[in-house]
Amino acid sequence: MILSAEAELLEVFTTKAGTVYQSDRQNCLFLEFADQQYKLSFRSFSDLKKIIDNMDLEHMCTHTLHADIEIFFLKEHCFILSGLQVIGLKELLQGAFVMFRLNHIIKDCLHRLAA
């Protein structure tokens, strides 16, 4: 199991589809999604978001000659996702990135108030 008590994880964002955790100790993110756990660097996490954002969901879900499955690799991880899973992962990743930006904005504001 990737997630352990020693990892000192902070929950970044959660949806019904999964959860994103941040580990400052290990300098990485953990993604729980589709009954799987993934340990990702911040760069890999950003790359995953780009891959998901670039998927053509309309084509994937409506084209009769196209299976409702997307398969792609990210570093050492293989993702096999249905159309609904892509939508769920997209929502989860977007929410996590909003939380990262919000945290950055709050720290900037607090730093300016202290100065």
N, C-alpha and C. Protein backbone atom coordinates (compact mmCIF):
# COMPACT_ATOMS: atom_id res chain seq x y z
N MET A 1 0.85 -1.18 0.00
CA MET A 1 0.00 0.00 0.00
C MET A 1 0.89 1.24 0.00
N ILE A 2 0.65 2.15 -0.90
CA ILE A 2 1.44 3.38 -1.01
C ILE A 2 1.17 4.30 0.15
N LEU A 3 -0.10 4.50 0.47
CA LEU A 3 -0.48 5.44 1.52
C LEU A 3 -0.24 4.80 2.88
N SER A 4 0.53 5.48 3.70
CA SER A 4 0.82 4.96 5.02
C SER A 4 0.83 6.09 6.04
N ALA A 5 0.82 5.74 7.30
CA ALA A 5 0.81 6.74 8.36
C ALA A 5 2.09 7.56 8.37
N GLU A 6 3.21 6.97 7.95
CA GLU A 6 4.48 7.67 7.97
C GLU A 6 4.58 8.74 6.90
N ALA A 7 3.72 8.70 5.92
CA ALA A 7 3.81 9.63 4.79
C ALA A 7 3.40 11.05 5.17
N GLU A 8 2.66 11.23 6.27
CA GLU A 8 2.16 12.54 6.68
C GLU A 8 1.49 13.25 5.52
N LEU A 9 0.37 12.71 5.12
CA LEU A 9 -0.34 13.21 3.95
C LEU A 9 -1.34 14.30 4.31
N LEU A 10 -1.40 15.30 3.46
CA LEU A 10 -2.40 16.35 3.57
C LEU A 10 -3.38 16.19 2.42
N GLU A 11 -4.66 16.16 2.74
CA GLU A 11 -5.68 16.03 1.71
C GLU A 11 -5.76 17.35 0.95
N VAL A 12 -5.63 17.27 -0.38
CA VAL A 12 -5.70 18.45 -1.23
C VAL A 12 -7.12 18.65 -1.73
N PHE A 13 -7.72 17.59 -2.26
CA PHE A 13 -9.06 17.70 -2.84
C PHE A 13 -9.67 16.31 -2.94
N THR A 14 -10.98 16.23 -2.72
CA THR A 14 -11.69 14.95 -2.78
C THR A 14 -12.99 15.12 -3.56
N THR A 15 -13.30 14.14 -4.37
CA THR A 15 -14.60 14.02 -5.02
C THR A 15 -15.08 12.59 -4.80
N LYS A 16 -16.24 12.28 -5.35
CA LYS A 16 -16.72 10.90 -5.27
C LYS A 16 -15.79 9.96 -6.04
N ALA A 17 -15.08 10.50 -7.03
CA ALA A 17 -14.21 9.68 -7.86
C ALA A 17 -12.89 9.33 -7.18
N GLY A 18 -12.42 10.18 -6.28
CA GLY A 18 -11.13 9.90 -5.66
C GLY A 18 -10.62 11.04 -4.81
N THR A 19 -9.34 10.95 -4.44
CA THR A 19 -8.72 11.93 -3.57
C THR A 19 -7.29 12.18 -4.02
N VAL A 20 -6.85 13.43 -3.85
CA VAL A 20 -5.46 13.80 -4.07
C VAL A 20 -4.88 14.20 -2.72
N TYR A 21 -3.73 13.61 -2.40
CA TYR A 21 -3.01 13.93 -1.17
C TYR A 21 -1.65 14.51 -1.52
N GLN A 22 -1.13 15.35 -0.63
CA GLN A 22 0.21 15.93 -0.81
C GLN A 22 1.09 15.44 0.33
N SER A 23 2.31 15.03 -0.01
CA SER A 23 3.29 14.63 1.00
C SER A 23 4.49 15.56 0.88
N ASP A 24 4.64 16.46 1.84
CA ASP A 24 5.81 17.34 1.84
C ASP A 24 7.07 16.55 2.18
N ARG A 25 6.92 15.55 3.02
CA ARG A 25 8.07 14.72 3.40
C ARG A 25 8.66 14.00 2.20
N GLN A 26 7.80 13.44 1.35
CA GLN A 26 8.26 12.70 0.18
C GLN A 26 8.31 13.56 -1.08
N ASN A 27 7.88 14.81 -0.96
CA ASN A 27 7.88 15.76 -2.07
C ASN A 27 7.16 15.19 -3.30
N CYS A 28 5.93 14.72 -3.06
CA CYS A 28 5.15 14.13 -4.14
C CYS A 28 3.67 14.24 -3.82
N LEU A 29 2.88 13.76 -4.75
CA LEU A 29 1.42 13.70 -4.58
C LEU A 29 0.99 12.25 -4.68
N PHE A 30 -0.08 11.92 -3.99
CA PHE A 30 -0.68 10.60 -4.08
C PHE A 30 -2.09 10.77 -4.62
N LEU A 31 -2.41 9.97 -5.61
CA LEU A 31 -3.72 10.00 -6.23
C LEU A 31 -4.41 8.68 -5.94
N GLU A 32 -5.57 8.74 -5.31
CA GLU A 32 -6.43 7.57 -5.14
C GLU A 32 -7.57 7.72 -6.13
N PHE A 33 -7.64 6.78 -7.08
CA PHE A 33 -8.64 6.89 -8.12
C PHE A 33 -8.93 5.51 -8.70
N ALA A 34 -10.19 5.20 -8.91
CA ALA A 34 -10.62 3.94 -9.53
C ALA A 34 -9.99 2.74 -8.82
N ASP A 35 -10.08 2.74 -7.48
CA ASP A 35 -9.55 1.64 -6.67
C ASP A 35 -8.05 1.40 -6.85
N GLN A 36 -7.34 2.42 -7.29
CA GLN A 36 -5.89 2.35 -7.46
C GLN A 36 -5.25 3.50 -6.71
N GLN A 37 -3.99 3.34 -6.39
CA GLN A 37 -3.22 4.40 -5.75
C GLN A 37 -1.97 4.66 -6.59
N TYR A 38 -1.70 5.94 -6.83
CA TYR A 38 -0.57 6.34 -7.66
C TYR A 38 0.27 7.35 -6.91
N LYS A 39 1.57 7.15 -6.91
CA LYS A 39 2.50 8.12 -6.35
C LYS A 39 3.09 8.89 -7.53
N LEU A 40 2.88 10.21 -7.53
CA LEU A 40 3.29 11.02 -8.67
C LEU A 40 4.11 12.22 -8.22
N SER A 41 5.11 12.56 -9.00
CA SER A 41 5.82 13.81 -8.77
C SER A 41 4.89 14.95 -9.19
N PHE A 42 5.22 16.16 -8.78
CA PHE A 42 4.39 17.29 -9.17
C PHE A 42 4.37 17.44 -10.69
N ARG A 43 5.50 17.18 -11.34
CA ARG A 43 5.56 17.27 -12.80
C ARG A 43 4.67 16.21 -13.45
N SER A 44 4.73 14.98 -12.96
CA SER A 44 3.89 13.91 -13.51
C SER A 44 2.41 14.22 -13.29
N PHE A 45 2.09 14.80 -12.14
CA PHE A 45 0.71 15.18 -11.86
C PHE A 45 0.22 16.22 -12.86
N SER A 46 1.08 17.19 -13.15
CA SER A 46 0.75 18.21 -14.14
C SER A 46 0.62 17.60 -15.53
N ASP A 47 1.51 16.66 -15.86
CA ASP A 47 1.42 15.97 -17.15
C ASP A 47 0.12 15.18 -17.26
N LEU A 48 -0.29 14.55 -16.18
CA LEU A 48 -1.55 13.80 -16.17
C LEU A 48 -2.73 14.73 -16.46
N LYS A 49 -2.72 15.89 -15.84
CA LYS A 49 -3.79 16.86 -16.09
C LYS A 49 -3.82 17.28 -17.56
N LYS A 50 -2.66 17.51 -18.15
CA LYS A 50 -2.61 17.89 -19.57
C LYS A 50 -3.17 16.78 -20.46
N ILE A 51 -2.81 15.54 -20.16
CA ILE A 51 -3.32 14.40 -20.95
C ILE A 51 -4.84 14.33 -20.85
N ILE A 52 -5.36 14.42 -19.64
CA ILE A 52 -6.81 14.33 -19.43
C ILE A 52 -7.54 15.51 -20.08
N ASP A 53 -6.97 16.72 -19.94
CA ASP A 53 -7.60 17.90 -20.54
C ASP A 53 -7.64 17.83 -22.07
N ASN A 54 -6.69 17.13 -22.67
CA ASN A 54 -6.63 17.03 -24.13
C ASN A 54 -7.44 15.88 -24.72
N MET A 55 -8.06 15.08 -23.87
CA MET A 55 -8.88 13.97 -24.38
C MET A 55 -10.16 14.51 -24.99
N ASP A 56 -10.54 13.94 -26.12
CA ASP A 56 -11.76 14.33 -26.82
C ASP A 56 -12.92 13.47 -26.30
N LEU A 57 -13.56 13.95 -25.24
CA LEU A 57 -14.63 13.19 -24.61
C LEU A 57 -15.83 12.99 -25.53
N GLU A 58 -16.13 13.99 -26.32
CA GLU A 58 -17.28 13.86 -27.23
C GLU A 58 -17.05 12.72 -28.21
N HIS A 59 -15.88 12.68 -28.79
CA HIS A 59 -15.55 11.60 -29.73
C HIS A 59 -15.52 10.25 -29.02
N MET A 60 -14.94 10.25 -27.84
CA MET A 60 -14.80 9.02 -27.08
C MET A 60 -16.15 8.41 -26.73
N CYS A 61 -17.11 9.24 -26.38
CA CYS A 61 -18.39 8.74 -25.89
C CYS A 61 -19.47 8.62 -26.95
N THR A 62 -19.26 9.20 -28.12
CA THR A 62 -20.33 9.16 -29.12
C THR A 62 -19.95 8.44 -30.41
N HIS A 63 -18.69 8.27 -30.69
CA HIS A 63 -18.29 7.64 -31.95
C HIS A 63 -18.53 6.14 -31.86
N THR A 64 -19.30 5.60 -32.79
CA THR A 64 -19.69 4.19 -32.71
C THR A 64 -18.53 3.23 -32.98
N LEU A 65 -17.50 3.66 -33.68
CA LEU A 65 -16.37 2.78 -33.97
C LEU A 65 -15.26 2.90 -32.92
N HIS A 66 -15.49 3.72 -31.93
CA HIS A 66 -14.48 3.96 -30.89
C HIS A 66 -14.97 3.34 -29.59
N ALA A 67 -14.12 2.54 -28.97
CA ALA A 67 -14.48 1.97 -27.67
C ALA A 67 -14.52 3.08 -26.63
N ASP A 68 -15.33 2.88 -25.63
CA ASP A 68 -15.45 3.86 -24.55
C ASP A 68 -14.31 3.67 -23.54
N ILE A 69 -13.10 3.51 -24.07
CA ILE A 69 -11.93 3.26 -23.21
C ILE A 69 -10.75 4.07 -23.75
N GLU A 70 -10.02 4.66 -22.83
CA GLU A 70 -8.76 5.33 -23.17
C GLU A 70 -7.65 4.64 -22.39
N ILE A 71 -6.57 4.32 -23.08
CA ILE A 71 -5.41 3.71 -22.47
C ILE A 71 -4.22 4.62 -22.73
N PHE A 72 -3.51 4.96 -21.65
CA PHE A 72 -2.31 5.78 -21.82
C PHE A 72 -1.35 5.49 -20.68
N PHE A 73 -0.09 5.82 -20.93
CA PHE A 73 0.97 5.60 -19.95
C PHE A 73 1.49 6.94 -19.46
N LEU A 74 1.80 6.97 -18.19
CA LEU A 74 2.42 8.14 -17.57
C LEU A 74 3.54 7.63 -16.68
N LYS A 75 4.75 7.83 -17.14
CA LYS A 75 5.93 7.28 -16.44
C LYS A 75 5.72 5.78 -16.26
N GLU A 76 5.73 5.30 -15.03
CA GLU A 76 5.60 3.86 -14.78
C GLU A 76 4.15 3.42 -14.59
N HIS A 77 3.20 4.32 -14.76
CA HIS A 77 1.79 4.00 -14.53
C HIS A 77 1.04 3.83 -15.85
N CYS A 78 0.16 2.84 -15.89
CA CYS A 78 -0.72 2.62 -17.04
C CYS A 78 -2.14 2.92 -16.58
N PHE A 79 -2.81 3.77 -17.32
CA PHE A 79 -4.19 4.14 -17.00
C PHE A 79 -5.10 3.55 -18.08
N ILE A 80 -6.15 2.87 -17.66
CA ILE A 80 -7.19 2.35 -18.55
C ILE A 80 -8.50 2.90 -18.01
N LEU A 81 -9.05 3.88 -18.72
CA LEU A 81 -10.20 4.62 -18.19
C LEU A 81 -11.39 4.60 -19.14
N SER A 82 -12.58 4.48 -18.57
CA SER A 82 -13.81 4.63 -19.35
C SER A 82 -14.10 6.12 -19.49
N GLY A 83 -15.08 6.45 -20.31
CA GLY A 83 -15.47 7.84 -20.49
C GLY A 83 -15.89 8.50 -19.18
N LEU A 84 -16.68 7.78 -18.38
CA LEU A 84 -17.11 8.32 -17.09
C LEU A 84 -15.93 8.50 -16.14
N GLN A 85 -14.97 7.60 -16.18
CA GLN A 85 -13.78 7.74 -15.34
C GLN A 85 -12.94 8.94 -15.77
N VAL A 86 -12.85 9.18 -17.06
CA VAL A 86 -12.12 10.35 -17.55
C VAL A 86 -12.77 11.62 -17.02
N ILE A 87 -14.10 11.67 -17.06
CA ILE A 87 -14.83 12.83 -16.53
C ILE A 87 -14.56 12.99 -15.03
N GLY A 88 -14.61 11.90 -14.28
CA GLY A 88 -14.35 11.95 -12.85
C GLY A 88 -12.93 12.37 -12.52
N LEU A 89 -11.96 11.85 -13.28
CA LEU A 89 -10.56 12.22 -13.05
C LEU A 89 -10.32 13.68 -13.43
N LYS A 90 -10.96 14.12 -14.49
CA LYS A 90 -10.81 15.52 -14.90
C LYS A 90 -11.31 16.46 -13.80
N GLU A 91 -12.46 16.14 -13.22
CA GLU A 91 -13.01 16.95 -12.13
C GLU A 91 -12.07 16.95 -10.93
N LEU A 92 -11.53 15.79 -10.59
CA LEU A 92 -10.62 15.66 -9.45
C LEU A 92 -9.35 16.47 -9.67
N LEU A 93 -8.76 16.38 -10.86
CA LEU A 93 -7.52 17.10 -11.15
C LEU A 93 -7.75 18.61 -11.18
N GLN A 94 -8.85 19.04 -11.79
CA GLN A 94 -9.16 20.47 -11.82
C GLN A 94 -9.33 21.02 -10.41
N GLY A 95 -10.02 20.31 -9.57
CA GLY A 95 -10.21 20.74 -8.19
C GLY A 95 -8.90 20.83 -7.42
N ALA A 96 -8.03 19.85 -7.63
CA ALA A 96 -6.73 19.86 -6.95
C ALA A 96 -5.91 21.07 -7.38
N PHE A 97 -5.91 21.37 -8.67
CA PHE A 97 -5.14 22.52 -9.15
C PHE A 97 -5.72 23.84 -8.65
N VAL A 98 -7.03 23.92 -8.52
CA VAL A 98 -7.64 25.12 -7.93
C VAL A 98 -7.17 25.28 -6.49
N MET A 99 -7.11 24.19 -5.73
CA MET A 99 -6.65 24.25 -4.35
C MET A 99 -5.18 24.68 -4.27
N PHE A 100 -4.35 24.21 -5.20
CA PHE A 100 -2.94 24.63 -5.23
C PHE A 100 -2.84 26.14 -5.47
N ARG A 101 -3.61 26.63 -6.44
CA ARG A 101 -3.58 28.06 -6.75
C ARG A 101 -4.13 28.88 -5.58
N LEU A 102 -5.20 28.41 -4.97
CA LEU A 102 -5.79 29.11 -3.84
C LEU A 102 -4.79 29.19 -2.68
N ASN A 103 -4.11 28.10 -2.40
CA ASN A 103 -3.11 28.08 -1.34
C ASN A 103 -2.00 29.09 -1.63
N HIS A 104 -1.57 29.18 -2.87
CA HIS A 104 -0.54 30.13 -3.27
C HIS A 104 -1.02 31.57 -3.08
N ILE A 105 -2.25 31.85 -3.46
CA ILE A 105 -2.82 33.20 -3.32
C ILE A 105 -2.91 33.58 -1.85
N ILE A 106 -3.36 32.65 -1.00
CA ILE A 106 -3.48 32.94 0.43
C ILE A 106 -2.11 33.21 1.04
N LYS A 107 -1.12 32.42 0.69
CA LYS A 107 0.24 32.64 1.23
C LYS A 107 0.78 33.99 0.78
N ASP A 108 0.53 34.38 -0.47
CA ASP A 108 0.97 35.70 -0.95
C ASP A 108 0.31 36.81 -0.15
N CYS A 109 -0.99 36.70 0.08
CA CYS A 109 -1.71 37.72 0.84
C CYS A 109 -1.19 37.82 2.28
N LEU A 110 -0.97 36.70 2.91
CA LEU A 110 -0.47 36.70 4.29
C LEU A 110 0.94 37.27 4.35
N HIS A 111 1.74 36.96 3.35
CA HIS A 111 3.11 37.50 3.30
C HIS A 111 3.09 39.02 3.15
N ARG A 112 2.19 39.51 2.32
CA ARG A 112 2.07 40.97 2.12
C ARG A 112 1.58 41.66 3.37
N LEU A 113 0.65 41.03 4.11
CA LEU A 113 0.14 41.62 5.35
C LEU A 113 1.23 41.66 6.42
N ALA A 114 2.08 40.66 6.44
CA ALA A 114 3.15 40.60 7.45
C ALA A 114 4.26 41.59 7.14
N ALA A 115 4.43 41.96 5.89
CA ALA A 115 5.52 42.87 5.48
C ALA A 115 5.18 44.32 5.69
